Protein backbone atom coordinates (compact mmCIF):
# COMPACT_ATOMS: atom_id res chain seq x y z
CA ARG A 1 90.76 99.65 83.00
CA SER A 2 89.73 101.06 86.38
CA LEU A 3 86.04 100.48 85.61
CA LEU A 4 86.65 96.82 84.71
CA ARG A 5 88.65 96.35 87.89
CA THR A 6 85.79 97.83 89.92
CA VAL A 7 83.15 95.69 88.20
CA TYR A 8 85.13 92.43 88.45
CA GLY A 9 86.04 93.19 92.07
CA SER A 10 82.39 93.80 92.99
CA VAL A 11 81.31 90.53 91.36
CA ALA A 12 84.08 88.57 93.10
CA ARG A 13 83.27 90.07 96.52
CA ALA A 14 79.55 89.35 96.05
CA ALA A 15 80.44 85.72 95.28
CA GLY A 16 82.61 85.49 98.43
CA ALA A 17 85.85 85.40 96.44
CA GLY A 18 87.14 88.92 97.00
CA PRO A 19 90.79 89.74 97.63
CA VAL A 20 92.31 89.33 101.08
CA ILE A 21 93.97 92.71 100.52
CA ASP A 22 92.96 95.32 97.96
CA CYS A 23 94.58 98.43 96.50
CA ASP A 24 92.80 101.61 95.38
CA ASP A 25 95.39 102.68 92.79
CA PRO A 26 95.25 100.90 89.41
CA SER A 27 98.91 101.75 88.70
CA ALA A 28 99.98 99.70 91.75
CA GLU A 29 100.26 95.92 91.66
CA ILE A 30 100.12 93.89 94.86
CA ALA A 31 101.16 90.34 95.69
CA LEU A 32 100.28 88.84 99.06
CA PHE A 33 102.29 86.05 100.67
CA GLN A 34 100.40 84.63 103.63
CA GLY A 35 102.25 83.20 106.61
CA GLU A 36 101.47 81.67 109.98
CA SER A 37 102.42 84.67 112.12
CA GLY A 38 101.75 87.44 109.60
CA ASP A 39 101.79 88.23 105.92
CA VAL A 40 104.14 89.92 103.47
CA VAL A 41 102.71 92.17 100.78
CA LEU A 42 104.75 93.32 97.80
CA VAL A 43 103.57 96.62 96.29
CA LEU A 44 104.87 97.73 92.87
CA ASN A 45 104.27 101.13 91.30
CA HIS A 46 104.08 100.74 87.51
CA SER A 47 103.67 104.50 87.06
CA ALA A 48 106.29 107.13 86.26
CA GLU A 49 104.67 109.27 88.99
CA THR A 50 104.95 109.17 92.78
CA ILE A 51 101.82 107.63 94.31
CA THR A 52 100.33 106.76 97.67
CA ALA A 53 98.47 103.48 97.31
CA THR A 54 95.83 102.75 99.94
CA LEU A 55 95.75 99.07 100.87
CA THR A 56 92.64 97.67 102.53
CA ALA A 57 92.73 94.31 104.33
CA GLU A 58 89.89 92.02 105.38
CA ARG A 59 90.97 92.32 109.01
CA VAL A 60 92.61 94.95 111.21
CA VAL A 61 96.32 95.45 110.54
CA ALA A 62 98.11 96.06 113.85
CA SER A 63 101.43 97.15 112.33
CA VAL A 64 103.44 97.35 109.12
CA MET A 65 107.21 96.96 108.77
CA ASP A 66 109.52 97.15 105.76
CA VAL A 67 111.11 93.70 105.35
CA ARG A 68 114.49 95.37 104.69
CA GLY A 69 114.51 96.67 108.27
CA GLY A 70 113.33 99.54 110.37
CA ALA A 71 110.77 99.93 113.09
CA ALA A 72 107.21 98.68 112.84
CA VAL A 73 104.60 101.38 112.23
CA GLU A 74 101.36 101.09 114.18
CA VAL A 75 98.24 100.99 111.97
CA GLY A 76 95.27 99.77 114.05
CA ALA A 77 92.89 99.84 111.06
CA ARG A 78 91.93 97.85 107.97
CA ALA A 79 93.34 100.47 105.56
CA PHE A 80 96.71 102.23 105.35
CA GLY A 81 98.68 104.26 102.81
CA VAL A 82 101.90 103.15 101.11
CA PRO A 83 103.95 105.93 99.48
CA LEU A 84 105.89 104.77 96.42
CA GLY A 85 108.26 106.61 94.12
CA PRO A 86 108.11 106.27 90.33
CA ASN A 87 108.55 102.63 89.22
CA ALA A 88 109.36 101.65 92.81
CA ALA A 89 108.52 98.60 94.90
CA VAL A 90 108.36 97.80 98.60
CA ALA A 91 107.86 94.60 100.60
CA LEU A 92 105.97 95.02 103.86
CA ARG A 93 105.44 92.61 106.75
CA LEU A 94 101.88 92.87 108.11
CA SER A 95 100.99 91.95 111.69
CA TYR A 96 97.33 91.61 112.61
CA GLY A 97 95.54 92.50 115.80
């Protein structure tokens, strides 16, 4: 499954149709909701294990904030880690810089 994902992803990127945001962990599913002032990404862990999924965006992510509240966390890079418990999900608001 991971090999197919890698192959299909490489072909899509070469054709200019790659994902706006990508995840390195095949047990994590992502859904991106794009907005005018930032995006929201939903990350779901389909595994019975705790994971840290690394998300990589096309542009620099200035900060990440849980949509349920809390302070924004400075990122300042294209990639950042998202820790997820077993069968857990999180919705994050992304701000770009």
